[in-house]
Amino acid sequence: MSTATVKVGLAGVAGTWNIDPTHTSIGFSVRHAMVSKVRGTFADFSGALTIDGVDLATSSAELTIQAASIDTQNADRDGHLVSADFLDVENFPTLTFTSTAVTVDGPDVAVTGDLTIRGVTRSVTVNYEYIGTSMDPFGFTRVGFEGTAKISRKDFGLTWNAALETGGVLVGDEITLVLDVEAVKQA
């Protein structure tokens, strides 16, 4: 049984796919102190893709992230990020994305949807590249997509900041979302 990745048209990967959290990374980066970037991931999430092989525009995606699972490799910072200053996980335990439109141009897929953070919903387009499909050694068919999007954290009510003595602010407004998705086809 071959485990080679195969590029086929998206119509060839029609079906329902569950996101594999052990082989998927939901990450982000944001400018820190005007000079570097802080990167982080979320460890606890679930989601699914439904790819319509006849009309790709009717395909859909959904994702639910447990906000408290944020990890920036710094416990103090993570504690601040889950507080009311940022994600306010006590009142808003999840971040969600539900697609509203899908457009396809060769291997490029634009998924537009409603992203909800801290109870605020905004339309966001995630630009994905279809990586391919493969069959793993256990007989499961897998599909891969890599995607990015840029959002303004202020659009979602994430406005906490601190002024720097040298000018500027501690936390940048623009957040880059980075999604490396692997999903398993459902029977």
C-alpha atoms as a PDB file:
ATOM      1  CA  MET A   1       0.000   0.000   0.000  1.00  0.00           C
ATOM      2  CA  SER A   2       1.482   3.335  -1.039  1.00  0.00           C
ATOM      3  CA  THR A   3       1.613   6.281   1.353  1.00  0.00           C
ATOM      4  CA  ALA A   4       2.742   8.759  -1.307  1.00  0.00           C
ATOM      5  CA  THR A   5       0.933  12.072  -1.429  1.00  0.00           C
ATOM      6  CA  VAL A   6      -1.098  12.489  -4.592  1.00  0.00           C
ATOM      7  CA  LYS A   7      -2.228  15.801  -6.092  1.00  0.00           C
ATOM      8  CA  VAL A   8      -5.681  15.368  -7.571  1.00  0.00           C
ATOM      9  CA  GLY A   9      -8.305  17.945  -8.350  1.00  0.00           C
ATOM     10  CA  LEU A  10     -10.433  18.910  -5.381  1.00  0.00           C
ATOM     11  CA  ALA A  11     -13.413  17.243  -7.048  1.00  0.00           C
ATOM     12  CA  GLY A  12     -11.483  13.996  -6.512  1.00  0.00           C
ATOM     13  CA  VAL A  13     -11.493  14.480  -2.736  1.00  0.00           C
ATOM     14  CA  ALA A  14     -15.241  14.852  -2.347  1.00  0.00           C
ATOM     15  CA  GLY A  15     -16.673  13.785   0.982  1.00  0.00           C
ATOM     16  CA  THR A  16     -16.643  14.613   4.653  1.00  0.00           C
ATOM     17  CA  TRP A  17     -13.308  14.961   6.410  1.00  0.00           C
ATOM     18  CA  ASN A  18     -12.644  15.333  10.139  1.00  0.00           C
ATOM     19  CA  ILE A  19      -9.679  17.476  11.116  1.00  0.00           C
ATOM     20  CA  ASP A  20      -6.973  15.360  12.735  1.00  0.00           C
ATOM     21  CA  PRO A  21      -5.824  17.421  15.757  1.00  0.00           C
ATOM     22  CA  THR A  22      -2.660  15.362  16.218  1.00  0.00           C
ATOM     23  CA  HIS A  23      -1.459  16.270  12.710  1.00  0.00           C
ATOM     24  CA  THR A  24      -2.881  19.788  12.407  1.00  0.00           C
ATOM     25  CA  SER A  25      -1.474  23.066  13.649  1.00  0.00           C
ATOM     26  CA  ILE A  26      -3.660  26.095  14.335  1.00  0.00           C
ATOM     27  CA  GLY A  27      -1.244  28.932  14.932  1.00  0.00           C
ATOM     28  CA  PHE A  28      -0.764  32.680  14.902  1.00  0.00           C
ATOM     29  CA  SER A  29       1.850  35.394  15.124  1.00  0.00           C
ATOM     30  CA  VAL A  30       1.678  39.006  16.266  1.00  0.00           C
ATOM     31  CA  ARG A  31       4.241  41.796  16.460  1.00  0.00           C
ATOM     32  CA  HIS A  32       5.703  42.284  19.968  1.00  0.00           C
ATOM     33  CA  ALA A  33       7.364  45.487  21.208  1.00  0.00           C
ATOM     34  CA  MET A  34       7.510  46.685  17.595  1.00  0.00           C
ATOM     35  CA  VAL A  35      10.636  44.586  16.957  1.00  0.00           C
ATOM     36  CA  SER A  36       9.829  40.863  16.933  1.00  0.00           C
ATOM     37  CA  LYS A  37       6.939  38.429  16.694  1.00  0.00           C
ATOM     38  CA  VAL A  38       5.314  36.212  19.270  1.00  0.00           C
ATOM     39  CA  ARG A  39       4.074  32.922  17.855  1.00  0.00           C
ATOM     40  CA  GLY A  40       1.573  30.598  19.389  1.00  0.00           C
ATOM     41  CA  THR A  41      -0.717  27.677  18.769  1.00  0.00           C
ATOM     42  CA  PHE A  42      -3.924  26.217  20.108  1.00  0.00           C
ATOM     43  CA  ALA A  43      -3.745  22.618  21.323  1.00  0.00           C
ATOM     44  CA  ASP A  44      -7.454  21.764  21.685  1.00  0.00           C
ATOM     45  CA  PHE A  45      -9.711  22.074  18.638  1.00  0.00           C
ATOM     46  CA  SER A  46     -12.032  20.109  16.386  1.00  0.00           C
ATOM     47  CA  GLY A  47     -13.538  20.622  12.995  1.00  0.00           C
ATOM     48  CA  ALA A  48     -14.679  19.158   9.726  1.00  0.00           C
ATOM     49  CA  LEU A  49     -14.600  19.816   6.000  1.00  0.00           C
ATOM     50  CA  THR A  50     -17.270  18.828   3.521  1.00  0.00           C
ATOM     51  CA  ILE A  51     -16.010  18.910  -0.046  1.00  0.00           C
ATOM     52  CA  ASP A  52     -18.656  18.784  -2.771  1.00  0.00           C
ATOM     53  CA  GLY A  53     -17.147  17.067  -5.793  1.00  0.00           C
ATOM     54  CA  VAL A  54     -19.776  18.418  -8.196  1.00  0.00           C
ATOM     55  CA  ASP A  55     -20.032  22.040  -7.051  1.00  0.00           C
ATOM     56  CA  LEU A  56     -16.937  23.007  -5.052  1.00  0.00           C
ATOM     57  CA  ALA A  57     -18.544  26.351  -4.175  1.00  0.00           C
ATOM     58  CA  THR A  58     -21.004  24.514  -1.909  1.00  0.00           C
ATOM     59  CA  SER A  59     -18.184  22.936   0.090  1.00  0.00           C
ATOM     60  CA  SER A  60     -17.936  23.937   3.746  1.00  0.00           C
ATOM     61  CA  ALA A  61     -15.664  24.017   6.774  1.00  0.00           C
ATOM     62  CA  GLU A  62     -16.113  24.472  10.493  1.00  0.00           C
ATOM     63  CA  LEU A  63     -13.644  24.786  13.333  1.00  0.00           C
ATOM     64  CA  THR A  64     -14.038  25.127  17.105  1.00  0.00           C
ATOM     65  CA  ILE A  65     -11.016  26.074  19.214  1.00  0.00           C
ATOM     66  CA  GLN A  66     -10.859  25.883  23.001  1.00  0.00           C
ATOM     67  CA  ALA A  67      -9.448  29.323  23.824  1.00  0.00           C
ATOM     68  CA  ALA A  68      -7.792  28.167  27.061  1.00  0.00           C
ATOM     69  CA  SER A  69      -5.538  25.845  25.038  1.00  0.00           C
ATOM     70  CA  ILE A  70      -3.435  28.772  23.774  1.00  0.00           C
ATOM     71  CA  ASP A  71       0.313  28.129  24.005  1.00  0.00           C
ATOM     72  CA  THR A  72       3.003  30.732  23.303  1.00  0.00           C
ATOM     73  CA  GLN A  73       5.749  28.857  25.182  1.00  0.00           C
ATOM     74  CA  ASN A  74       5.464  31.302  28.093  1.00  0.00           C
ATOM     75  CA  ALA A  75       3.105  30.471  30.988  1.00  0.00           C
ATOM     76  CA  ASP A  76       2.875  34.059  32.250  1.00  0.00           C
ATOM     77  CA  ARG A  77       1.979  35.381  28.797  1.00  0.00           C
ATOM     78  CA  ASP A  78      -0.510  32.547  28.249  1.00  0.00           C
ATOM     79  CA  GLY A  79      -2.123  33.402  31.586  1.00  0.00           C
ATOM     80  CA  HIS A  80      -2.513  37.003  30.453  1.00  0.00           C
ATOM     81  CA  LEU A  81      -3.904  35.939  27.053  1.00  0.00           C
ATOM     82  CA  VAL A  82      -6.690  33.853  28.628  1.00  0.00           C
ATOM     83  CA  SER A  83      -7.611  36.691  31.020  1.00  0.00           C
ATOM     84  CA  ALA A  84     -10.322  39.319  30.477  1.00  0.00           C
ATOM     85  CA  ASP A  85      -7.659  41.588  28.911  1.00  0.00           C
ATOM     86  CA  PHE A  86      -7.563  39.329  25.852  1.00  0.00           C
ATOM     87  CA  LEU A  87      -9.541  36.135  25.163  1.00  0.00           C
ATOM     88  CA  ASP A  88     -11.586  36.213  28.403  1.00  0.00           C
ATOM     89  CA  VAL A  89     -11.982  32.423  28.399  1.00  0.00           C
ATOM     90  CA  GLU A  90     -14.206  32.504  31.483  1.00  0.00           C
ATOM     91  CA  ASN A  91     -16.915  34.222  29.445  1.00  0.00           C
ATOM     92  CA  PHE A  92     -15.891  33.120  25.918  1.00  0.00           C
ATOM     93  CA  PRO A  93     -14.429  29.607  26.109  1.00  0.00           C
ATOM     94  CA  THR A  94     -14.329  28.976  22.357  1.00  0.00           C
ATOM     95  CA  LEU A  95     -13.236  30.584  19.123  1.00  0.00           C
ATOM     96  CA  THR A  96     -15.240  29.404  16.115  1.00  0.00           C
ATOM     97  CA  PHE A  97     -15.108  29.561  12.332  1.00  0.00           C
ATOM     98  CA  THR A  98     -17.995  28.580  10.059  1.00  0.00           C
ATOM     99  CA  SER A  99     -17.561  28.951   6.321  1.00  0.00           C
ATOM    100  CA  THR A 100     -19.977  31.003   4.246  1.00  0.00           C
ATOM    101  CA  ALA A 101     -18.313  30.765   0.811  1.00  0.00           C
ATOM    102  CA  VAL A 102     -15.651  28.710  -0.933  1.00  0.00           C
ATOM    103  CA  THR A 103     -13.863  29.621  -4.170  1.00  0.00           C
ATOM    104  CA  VAL A 104     -11.362  27.417  -5.961  1.00  0.00           C
ATOM    105  CA  ASP A 105      -8.652  28.322  -8.478  1.00  0.00           C
ATOM    106  CA  GLY A 106      -6.524  25.268  -9.233  1.00  0.00           C
ATOM    107  CA  PRO A 107      -4.777  24.234  -5.986  1.00  0.00           C
ATOM    108  CA  ASP A 108      -5.745  27.524  -4.309  1.00  0.00           C
ATOM    109  CA  VAL A 109      -8.870  27.593  -2.167  1.00  0.00           C
ATOM    110  CA  ALA A 110     -10.315  30.701  -0.515  1.00  0.00           C
ATOM    111  CA  VAL A 111     -12.616  29.898   2.378  1.00  0.00           C
ATOM    112  CA  THR A 112     -14.600  32.867   3.649  1.00  0.00           C
ATOM    113  CA  GLY A 113     -16.502  32.510   6.868  1.00  0.00           C
ATOM    114  CA  ASP A 114     -17.633  33.868  10.176  1.00  0.00           C
ATOM    115  CA  LEU A 115     -14.821  33.954  12.723  1.00  0.00           C
ATOM    116  CA  THR A 116     -15.978  34.512  16.296  1.00  0.00           C
ATOM    117  CA  ILE A 117     -13.500  35.592  18.955  1.00  0.00           C
ATOM    118  CA  ARG A 118     -14.574  36.892  22.345  1.00  0.00           C
ATOM    119  CA  GLY A 119     -18.215  36.957  21.230  1.00  0.00           C
ATOM    120  CA  VAL A 120     -17.495  39.185  18.209  1.00  0.00           C
ATOM    121  CA  THR A 121     -18.088  37.774  14.729  1.00  0.00           C
ATOM    122  CA  ARG A 122     -16.375  39.092  11.611  1.00  0.00           C
ATOM    123  CA  SER A 123     -16.070  37.780   8.073  1.00  0.00           C
ATOM    124  CA  VAL A 124     -12.570  36.457   7.356  1.00  0.00           C
ATOM    125  CA  THR A 125     -11.101  34.855   4.254  1.00  0.00           C
ATOM    126  CA  VAL A 126      -8.480  32.150   4.738  1.00  0.00           C
ATOM    127  CA  ASN A 127      -6.388  31.461   1.635  1.00  0.00           C
ATOM    128  CA  TYR A 128      -5.445  27.800   1.454  1.00  0.00           C
ATOM    129  CA  GLU A 129      -3.240  25.763  -0.789  1.00  0.00           C
ATOM    130  CA  TYR A 130      -4.424  22.221  -1.401  1.00  0.00           C
ATOM    131  CA  ILE A 131      -1.369  20.055  -0.651  1.00  0.00           C
ATOM    132  CA  GLY A 132      -2.688  16.655  -1.702  1.00  0.00           C
ATOM    133  CA  THR A 133      -4.151  13.394  -0.492  1.00  0.00           C
ATOM    134  CA  SER A 134      -2.605  10.169   0.694  1.00  0.00           C
ATOM    135  CA  MET A 135      -3.526   6.838   2.170  1.00  0.00           C
ATOM    136  CA  ASP A 136      -1.794   6.139   5.462  1.00  0.00           C
ATOM    137  CA  PRO A 137      -0.472   2.671   6.438  1.00  0.00           C
ATOM    138  CA  PHE A 138      -3.694   2.009   8.365  1.00  0.00           C
ATOM    139  CA  GLY A 139      -5.980   2.479   5.347  1.00  0.00           C
ATOM    140  CA  PHE A 140      -7.229   5.991   6.142  1.00  0.00           C
ATOM    141  CA  THR A 141      -7.361   8.576   3.378  1.00  0.00           C
ATOM    142  CA  ARG A 142      -5.934  11.942   4.396  1.00  0.00           C
ATOM    143  CA  VAL A 143      -6.052  15.380   2.800  1.00  0.00           C
ATOM    144  CA  GLY A 144      -3.827  18.374   3.498  1.00  0.00           C
ATOM    145  CA  PHE A 145      -4.280  22.144   3.227  1.00  0.00           C
ATOM    146  CA  GLU A 146      -2.047  25.021   4.324  1.00  0.00           C
ATOM    147  CA  GLY A 147      -3.707  28.368   4.918  1.00  0.00           C
ATOM    148  CA  THR A 148      -3.114  31.907   6.114  1.00  0.00           C
ATOM    149  CA  ALA A 149      -5.173  34.984   6.905  1.00  0.00           C
ATOM    150  CA  LYS A 150      -4.541  38.352   8.493  1.00  0.00           C
ATOM    151  CA  ILE A 151      -6.969  39.875  10.975  1.00  0.00           C
ATOM    152  CA  SER A 152      -7.078  42.964  13.152  1.00  0.00           C
ATOM    153  CA  ARG A 153      -7.292  41.950  16.793  1.00  0.00           C
ATOM    154  CA  LYS A 154      -9.096  45.233  17.550  1.00  0.00           C
ATOM    155  CA  ASP A 155     -11.919  44.119  15.231  1.00  0.00           C
ATOM    156  CA  PHE A 156     -12.612  41.384  17.777  1.00  0.00           C
ATOM    157  CA  GLY A 157     -12.454  43.575  20.884  1.00  0.00           C
ATOM    158  CA  LEU A 158      -8.877  42.601  21.756  1.00  0.00           C
ATOM    159  CA  THR A 159      -7.733  46.119  22.557  1.00  0.00           C
ATOM    160  CA  TRP A 160      -5.457  45.762  25.597  1.00  0.00           C
ATOM    161  CA  ASN A 161      -2.032  47.296  25.036  1.00  0.00           C
ATOM    162  CA  ALA A 162       0.819  49.133  26.723  1.00  0.00           C
ATOM    163  CA  ALA A 163       2.733  52.124  25.377  1.00  0.00           C
ATOM    164  CA  LEU A 164       6.491  51.795  24.962  1.00  0.00           C
ATOM    165  CA  GLU A 165       8.902  54.477  26.184  1.00  0.00           C
ATOM    166  CA  THR A 166      10.517  54.504  22.746  1.00  0.00           C
ATOM    167  CA  GLY A 167       7.172  54.968  20.996  1.00  0.00           C
ATOM    168  CA  GLY A 168       4.742  52.448  19.667  1.00  0.00           C
ATOM    169  CA  VAL A 169       2.948  49.732  21.580  1.00  0.00           C
ATOM    170  CA  LEU A 170       3.724  46.374  23.144  1.00  0.00           C
ATOM    171  CA  VAL A 171       1.278  44.289  21.052  1.00  0.00           C
ATOM    172  CA  GLY A 172       0.688  44.842  17.332  1.00  0.00           C
ATOM    173  CA  ASP A 173      -2.824  44.970  15.911  1.00  0.00           C
ATOM    174  CA  GLU A 174      -2.361  42.625  12.942  1.00  0.00           C
ATOM    175  CA  ILE A 175      -2.491  38.913  13.699  1.00  0.00           C
ATOM    176  CA  THR A 176      -1.406  36.405  11.091  1.00  0.00           C
ATOM    177  CA  LEU A 177      -3.305  33.125  11.324  1.00  0.00           C
ATOM    178  CA  VAL A 178      -1.444  30.049  10.094  1.00  0.00           C
ATOM    179  CA  LEU A 179      -3.345  26.797   9.595  1.00  0.00           C
ATOM    180  CA  ASP A 180      -1.678  23.535   8.574  1.00  0.00           C
ATOM    181  CA  VAL A 181      -4.639  21.174   8.281  1.00  0.00           C
ATOM    182  CA  GLU A 182      -4.687  17.415   7.871  1.00  0.00           C
ATOM    183  CA  ALA A 183      -8.077  15.746   7.764  1.00  0.00           C
ATOM    184  CA  VAL A 184      -9.231  12.134   7.624  1.00  0.00           C
ATOM    185  CA  LYS A 185     -11.987  11.015   5.259  1.00  0.00           C
ATOM    186  CA  GLN A 186     -15.087   9.659   6.952  1.00  0.00           C
ATOM    187  CA  ALA A 187     -16.767   6.503   5.681  1.00  0.00           C
END
